[in-house]
Amino acid sequence: MKGLQELRGALAGFLREHGLEAVTAWGPERRPRAGGPVAAVSLRGFESGPPGFQDYLGERYDEAKGGWEELYGKRVELTFGLDVYAASAQGVQAGLDILQEALGEKGPAGLCPVGLTVGETAFQSGSGRYCCPVQARFWVWAVAVSREDGAFLDFEVRGERV
């Protein structure tokens, strides 16, 4: 995967596959107005430590180019907002149950869940819905490919199992 927008979309798709309607916050899709639970996926934090791809991860053979590429990377912790909205407090709780079950053992490809923080459900008069703020932390590897001359070609995000 590449780019944070793609990660937000992958997480929203993962939640939909597990039965929780989800959209990317501030994305092109609109939040459904039905009474059922909906999670709004946003990126709230990015912690990566020192700059650069300081960890040597090994080599891989690129058959298309007929040569070896070196891989470098670093572990990054991403914090996503997964705020759950519904027409009732019971609907929010149902959404939280699905969210906990979906992220209990794994996340979408490239994201390894390491923590889930759930806030207090409250009614938002502006939207006419109940909302529960949720934050989920994930570990990922940002991996860069190096050519023989040492220049980085590209980078992608890969998951990690603990």
C-alpha atoms as a PDB file:
ATOM      1  CA  MET A   1       0.000   0.000   0.000  1.00  0.00           C
ATOM      2  CA  LYS A   2       1.064   3.528  -0.591  1.00  0.00           C
ATOM      3  CA  GLY A   3      -0.151   6.761   0.883  1.00  0.00           C
ATOM      4  CA  LEU A   4      -2.248   7.529   3.914  1.00  0.00           C
ATOM      5  CA  GLN A   5      -5.465   8.002   1.914  1.00  0.00           C
ATOM      6  CA  GLU A   6      -5.131   4.421   0.683  1.00  0.00           C
ATOM      7  CA  LEU A   7      -4.648   3.217   4.276  1.00  0.00           C
ATOM      8  CA  ARG A   8      -7.776   5.080   5.436  1.00  0.00           C
ATOM      9  CA  GLY A   9      -9.739   3.541   2.566  1.00  0.00           C
ATOM     10  CA  ALA A  10      -8.380   0.055   3.300  1.00  0.00           C
ATOM     11  CA  LEU A  11      -9.380   0.342   6.958  1.00  0.00           C
ATOM     12  CA  ALA A  12     -12.884   1.563   6.033  1.00  0.00           C
ATOM     13  CA  GLY A  13     -13.229  -1.338   3.559  1.00  0.00           C
ATOM     14  CA  PHE A  14     -12.026  -3.828   6.190  1.00  0.00           C
ATOM     15  CA  LEU A  15     -14.697  -2.611   8.634  1.00  0.00           C
ATOM     16  CA  ARG A  16     -17.405  -2.845   5.939  1.00  0.00           C
ATOM     17  CA  GLU A  17     -16.320  -6.437   5.195  1.00  0.00           C
ATOM     18  CA  HIS A  18     -16.868  -7.213   8.878  1.00  0.00           C
ATOM     19  CA  GLY A  19     -20.366  -5.739   8.949  1.00  0.00           C
ATOM     20  CA  LEU A  20     -19.820  -2.147  10.133  1.00  0.00           C
ATOM     21  CA  GLU A  21     -20.685   0.620   7.681  1.00  0.00           C
ATOM     22  CA  ALA A  22     -17.594   2.847   7.401  1.00  0.00           C
ATOM     23  CA  VAL A  23     -16.545   5.904   5.431  1.00  0.00           C
ATOM     24  CA  THR A  24     -13.358   7.939   5.349  1.00  0.00           C
ATOM     25  CA  ALA A  25     -13.802  11.199   7.237  1.00  0.00           C
ATOM     26  CA  TRP A  26     -13.633  14.221   4.939  1.00  0.00           C
ATOM     27  CA  GLY A  27     -13.583  11.844   1.980  1.00  0.00           C
ATOM     28  CA  PRO A  28     -15.724  11.934  -1.164  1.00  0.00           C
ATOM     29  CA  GLU A  29     -18.390   9.574   0.178  1.00  0.00           C
ATOM     30  CA  ARG A  30     -21.203  10.881   2.379  1.00  0.00           C
ATOM     31  CA  ARG A  31     -22.151   9.396   5.711  1.00  0.00           C
ATOM     32  CA  PRO A  32     -25.315   7.320   5.464  1.00  0.00           C
ATOM     33  CA  ARG A  33     -28.291   8.892   7.245  1.00  0.00           C
ATOM     34  CA  ALA A  34     -29.827   5.559   8.228  1.00  0.00           C
ATOM     35  CA  GLY A  35     -30.110   4.834  11.934  1.00  0.00           C
ATOM     36  CA  GLY A  36     -27.546   2.024  11.936  1.00  0.00           C
ATOM     37  CA  PRO A  37     -23.974   2.477  13.165  1.00  0.00           C
ATOM     38  CA  VAL A  38     -21.380   4.120  10.928  1.00  0.00           C
ATOM     39  CA  ALA A  39     -17.641   4.521  11.615  1.00  0.00           C
ATOM     40  CA  ALA A  40     -15.840   7.609  10.324  1.00  0.00           C
ATOM     41  CA  VAL A  41     -12.194   6.710   9.620  1.00  0.00           C
ATOM     42  CA  SER A  42      -9.574   9.457   9.959  1.00  0.00           C
ATOM     43  CA  LEU A  43      -5.845   9.604  10.628  1.00  0.00           C
ATOM     44  CA  ARG A  44      -5.089  11.247  13.981  1.00  0.00           C
ATOM     45  CA  GLY A  45      -1.461  10.420  14.589  1.00  0.00           C
ATOM     46  CA  PHE A  46       1.742   9.352  12.867  1.00  0.00           C
ATOM     47  CA  GLU A  47       4.758   8.484  15.003  1.00  0.00           C
ATOM     48  CA  SER A  48       7.881   7.338  13.226  1.00  0.00           C
ATOM     49  CA  GLY A  49      10.941   8.194  15.291  1.00  0.00           C
ATOM     50  CA  PRO A  50      14.119   9.365  13.521  1.00  0.00           C
ATOM     51  CA  PRO A  51      13.867  10.328   9.843  1.00  0.00           C
ATOM     52  CA  GLY A  52      15.012   7.992   7.111  1.00  0.00           C
ATOM     53  CA  PHE A  53      14.773   4.277   6.440  1.00  0.00           C
ATOM     54  CA  GLN A  54      17.476   3.202   8.896  1.00  0.00           C
ATOM     55  CA  ASP A  55      16.731  -0.539   9.251  1.00  0.00           C
ATOM     56  CA  TYR A  56      18.173  -2.891   6.640  1.00  0.00           C
ATOM     57  CA  LEU A  57      15.519  -5.532   5.876  1.00  0.00           C
ATOM     58  CA  GLY A  58      17.318  -7.655   3.278  1.00  0.00           C
ATOM     59  CA  GLU A  59      17.216  -8.152  -0.464  1.00  0.00           C
ATOM     60  CA  ARG A  60      14.722  -9.349  -3.051  1.00  0.00           C
ATOM     61  CA  TYR A  61      15.171 -10.321  -6.668  1.00  0.00           C
ATOM     62  CA  ASP A  62      13.182  -8.264  -9.193  1.00  0.00           C
ATOM     63  CA  GLU A  63      12.586 -10.595 -12.148  1.00  0.00           C
ATOM     64  CA  ALA A  64      11.268  -7.801 -14.365  1.00  0.00           C
ATOM     65  CA  LYS A  65      14.499  -5.800 -13.982  1.00  0.00           C
ATOM     66  CA  GLY A  66      16.755  -8.829 -13.684  1.00  0.00           C
ATOM     67  CA  GLY A  67      18.540  -7.665 -10.557  1.00  0.00           C
ATOM     68  CA  TRP A  68      18.596  -7.543  -6.789  1.00  0.00           C
ATOM     69  CA  GLU A  69      17.064  -4.696  -4.787  1.00  0.00           C
ATOM     70  CA  GLU A  70      17.878  -3.844  -1.196  1.00  0.00           C
ATOM     71  CA  LEU A  71      15.014  -3.148   1.212  1.00  0.00           C
ATOM     72  CA  TYR A  72      15.213  -0.615   4.032  1.00  0.00           C
ATOM     73  CA  GLY A  73      12.504   0.371   6.435  1.00  0.00           C
ATOM     74  CA  LYS A  74      11.290   1.576   9.776  1.00  0.00           C
ATOM     75  CA  ARG A  75       8.387   0.774  12.019  1.00  0.00           C
ATOM     76  CA  VAL A  76       5.715   3.455  12.223  1.00  0.00           C
ATOM     77  CA  GLU A  77       2.773   3.739  14.603  1.00  0.00           C
ATOM     78  CA  LEU A  78      -0.413   5.166  13.115  1.00  0.00           C
ATOM     79  CA  THR A  79      -3.383   6.297  15.194  1.00  0.00           C
ATOM     80  CA  PHE A  80      -6.726   6.246  13.392  1.00  0.00           C
ATOM     81  CA  GLY A  81      -9.953   7.814  14.557  1.00  0.00           C
ATOM     82  CA  LEU A  82     -12.821   5.345  14.154  1.00  0.00           C
ATOM     83  CA  ASP A  83     -15.635   7.424  15.620  1.00  0.00           C
ATOM     84  CA  VAL A  84     -18.915   5.494  15.678  1.00  0.00           C
ATOM     85  CA  TYR A  85     -22.179   7.338  14.937  1.00  0.00           C
ATOM     86  CA  ALA A  86     -25.758   6.029  15.203  1.00  0.00           C
ATOM     87  CA  ALA A  87     -29.322   7.236  15.764  1.00  0.00           C
ATOM     88  CA  SER A  88     -29.375   5.654  19.241  1.00  0.00           C
ATOM     89  CA  ALA A  89     -26.910   4.835  22.012  1.00  0.00           C
ATOM     90  CA  GLN A  90     -27.795   1.148  21.464  1.00  0.00           C
ATOM     91  CA  GLY A  91     -26.825   1.519  17.816  1.00  0.00           C
ATOM     92  CA  VAL A  92     -23.463   2.966  18.827  1.00  0.00           C
ATOM     93  CA  GLN A  93     -22.904   0.011  21.182  1.00  0.00           C
ATOM     94  CA  ALA A  94     -23.742  -2.427  18.378  1.00  0.00           C
ATOM     95  CA  GLY A  95     -21.184  -0.664  16.167  1.00  0.00           C
ATOM     96  CA  LEU A  96     -18.560  -0.814  18.931  1.00  0.00           C
ATOM     97  CA  ASP A  97     -19.163  -4.549  19.328  1.00  0.00           C
ATOM     98  CA  ILE A  98     -18.576  -5.108  15.598  1.00  0.00           C
ATOM     99  CA  LEU A  99     -15.493  -2.867  15.683  1.00  0.00           C
ATOM    100  CA  GLN A 100     -13.969  -4.735  18.631  1.00  0.00           C
ATOM    101  CA  GLU A 101     -14.615  -8.101  17.016  1.00  0.00           C
ATOM    102  CA  ALA A 102     -13.205  -6.987  13.649  1.00  0.00           C
ATOM    103  CA  LEU A 103      -9.977  -5.601  15.139  1.00  0.00           C
ATOM    104  CA  GLY A 104      -9.619  -8.192  17.896  1.00  0.00           C
ATOM    105  CA  GLU A 105      -7.183 -10.422  16.048  1.00  0.00           C
ATOM    106  CA  LYS A 106      -6.076  -8.656  12.901  1.00  0.00           C
ATOM    107  CA  GLY A 107      -6.436  -5.593  10.759  1.00  0.00           C
ATOM    108  CA  PRO A 108      -6.485  -5.029   7.024  1.00  0.00           C
ATOM    109  CA  ALA A 109      -3.409  -6.020   5.031  1.00  0.00           C
ATOM    110  CA  GLY A 110      -0.527  -3.790   6.038  1.00  0.00           C
ATOM    111  CA  LEU A 111      -1.951  -2.754   9.426  1.00  0.00           C
ATOM    112  CA  CYS A 112      -1.300  -4.634  12.679  1.00  0.00           C
ATOM    113  CA  PRO A 113      -3.612  -3.478  15.511  1.00  0.00           C
ATOM    114  CA  VAL A 114      -1.878  -2.796  18.836  1.00  0.00           C
ATOM    115  CA  GLY A 115      -4.452  -0.810  20.813  1.00  0.00           C
ATOM    116  CA  LEU A 116      -8.035   0.420  20.908  1.00  0.00           C
ATOM    117  CA  THR A 117      -9.287   3.318  23.057  1.00  0.00           C
ATOM    118  CA  VAL A 118     -13.025   3.930  23.365  1.00  0.00           C
ATOM    119  CA  GLY A 119     -14.436   7.182  24.741  1.00  0.00           C
ATOM    120  CA  GLU A 120     -17.839   8.027  26.153  1.00  0.00           C
ATOM    121  CA  THR A 121     -20.967   8.002  23.976  1.00  0.00           C
ATOM    122  CA  ALA A 122     -22.754  11.368  23.799  1.00  0.00           C
ATOM    123  CA  PHE A 123     -25.612  12.872  21.817  1.00  0.00           C
ATOM    124  CA  GLN A 124     -24.555  15.507  19.270  1.00  0.00           C
ATOM    125  CA  SER A 125     -27.399  17.939  18.734  1.00  0.00           C
ATOM    126  CA  GLY A 126     -25.804  19.371  15.562  1.00  0.00           C
ATOM    127  CA  SER A 127     -25.942  16.039  13.727  1.00  0.00           C
ATOM    128  CA  GLY A 128     -28.900  14.586  15.629  1.00  0.00           C
ATOM    129  CA  ARG A 129     -26.886  11.420  16.293  1.00  0.00           C
ATOM    130  CA  TYR A 130     -25.059   9.717  19.079  1.00  0.00           C
ATOM    131  CA  CYS A 131     -21.289   9.522  18.750  1.00  0.00           C
ATOM    132  CA  CYS A 132     -18.559   7.567  20.490  1.00  0.00           C
ATOM    133  CA  PRO A 133     -14.957   8.636  19.846  1.00  0.00           C
ATOM    134  CA  VAL A 134     -12.654   5.689  19.153  1.00  0.00           C
ATOM    135  CA  GLN A 135      -8.928   5.596  18.479  1.00  0.00           C
ATOM    136  CA  ALA A 136      -7.116   2.548  17.118  1.00  0.00           C
ATOM    137  CA  ARG A 137      -3.330   2.257  17.000  1.00  0.00           C
ATOM    138  CA  PHE A 138      -1.561   0.162  14.356  1.00  0.00           C
ATOM    139  CA  TRP A 139       2.043  -0.753  13.651  1.00  0.00           C
ATOM    140  CA  VAL A 140       3.200  -0.755  10.064  1.00  0.00           C
ATOM    141  CA  TRP A 141       6.516  -1.009   8.280  1.00  0.00           C
ATOM    142  CA  ALA A 142       7.394   1.750   5.839  1.00  0.00           C
ATOM    143  CA  VAL A 143       9.629  -0.089   3.362  1.00  0.00           C
ATOM    144  CA  ALA A 144      11.845   1.556   0.743  1.00  0.00           C
ATOM    145  CA  VAL A 145      13.545  -0.115  -2.221  1.00  0.00           C
ATOM    146  CA  SER A 146      17.095   0.893  -3.105  1.00  0.00           C
ATOM    147  CA  ARG A 147      18.800   0.595  -6.476  1.00  0.00           C
ATOM    148  CA  GLU A 148      22.401  -0.464  -6.914  1.00  0.00           C
ATOM    149  CA  ASP A 149      23.479   3.188  -6.892  1.00  0.00           C
ATOM    150  CA  GLY A 150      21.878   3.646  -3.465  1.00  0.00           C
ATOM    151  CA  ALA A 151      18.955   5.824  -4.548  1.00  0.00           C
ATOM    152  CA  PHE A 152      15.545   4.976  -3.117  1.00  0.00           C
ATOM    153  CA  LEU A 153      13.042   4.059  -5.816  1.00  0.00           C
ATOM    154  CA  ASP A 154       9.797   3.940  -3.916  1.00  0.00           C
ATOM    155  CA  PHE A 155       8.273   3.044  -0.589  1.00  0.00           C
ATOM    156  CA  GLU A 156       5.236   1.126   0.609  1.00  0.00           C
ATOM    157  CA  VAL A 157       3.600   0.131   3.881  1.00  0.00           C
ATOM    158  CA  ARG A 158       3.602  -3.468   5.048  1.00  0.00           C
ATOM    159  CA  GLY A 159       1.984  -5.037   8.065  1.00  0.00           C
ATOM    160  CA  GLU A 160       3.699  -6.610  11.010  1.00  0.00           C
ATOM    161  CA  ARG A 161       2.587  -9.437  13.285  1.00  0.00           C
ATOM    162  CA  VAL A 162       3.629  -9.301  16.909  1.00  0.00           C
END
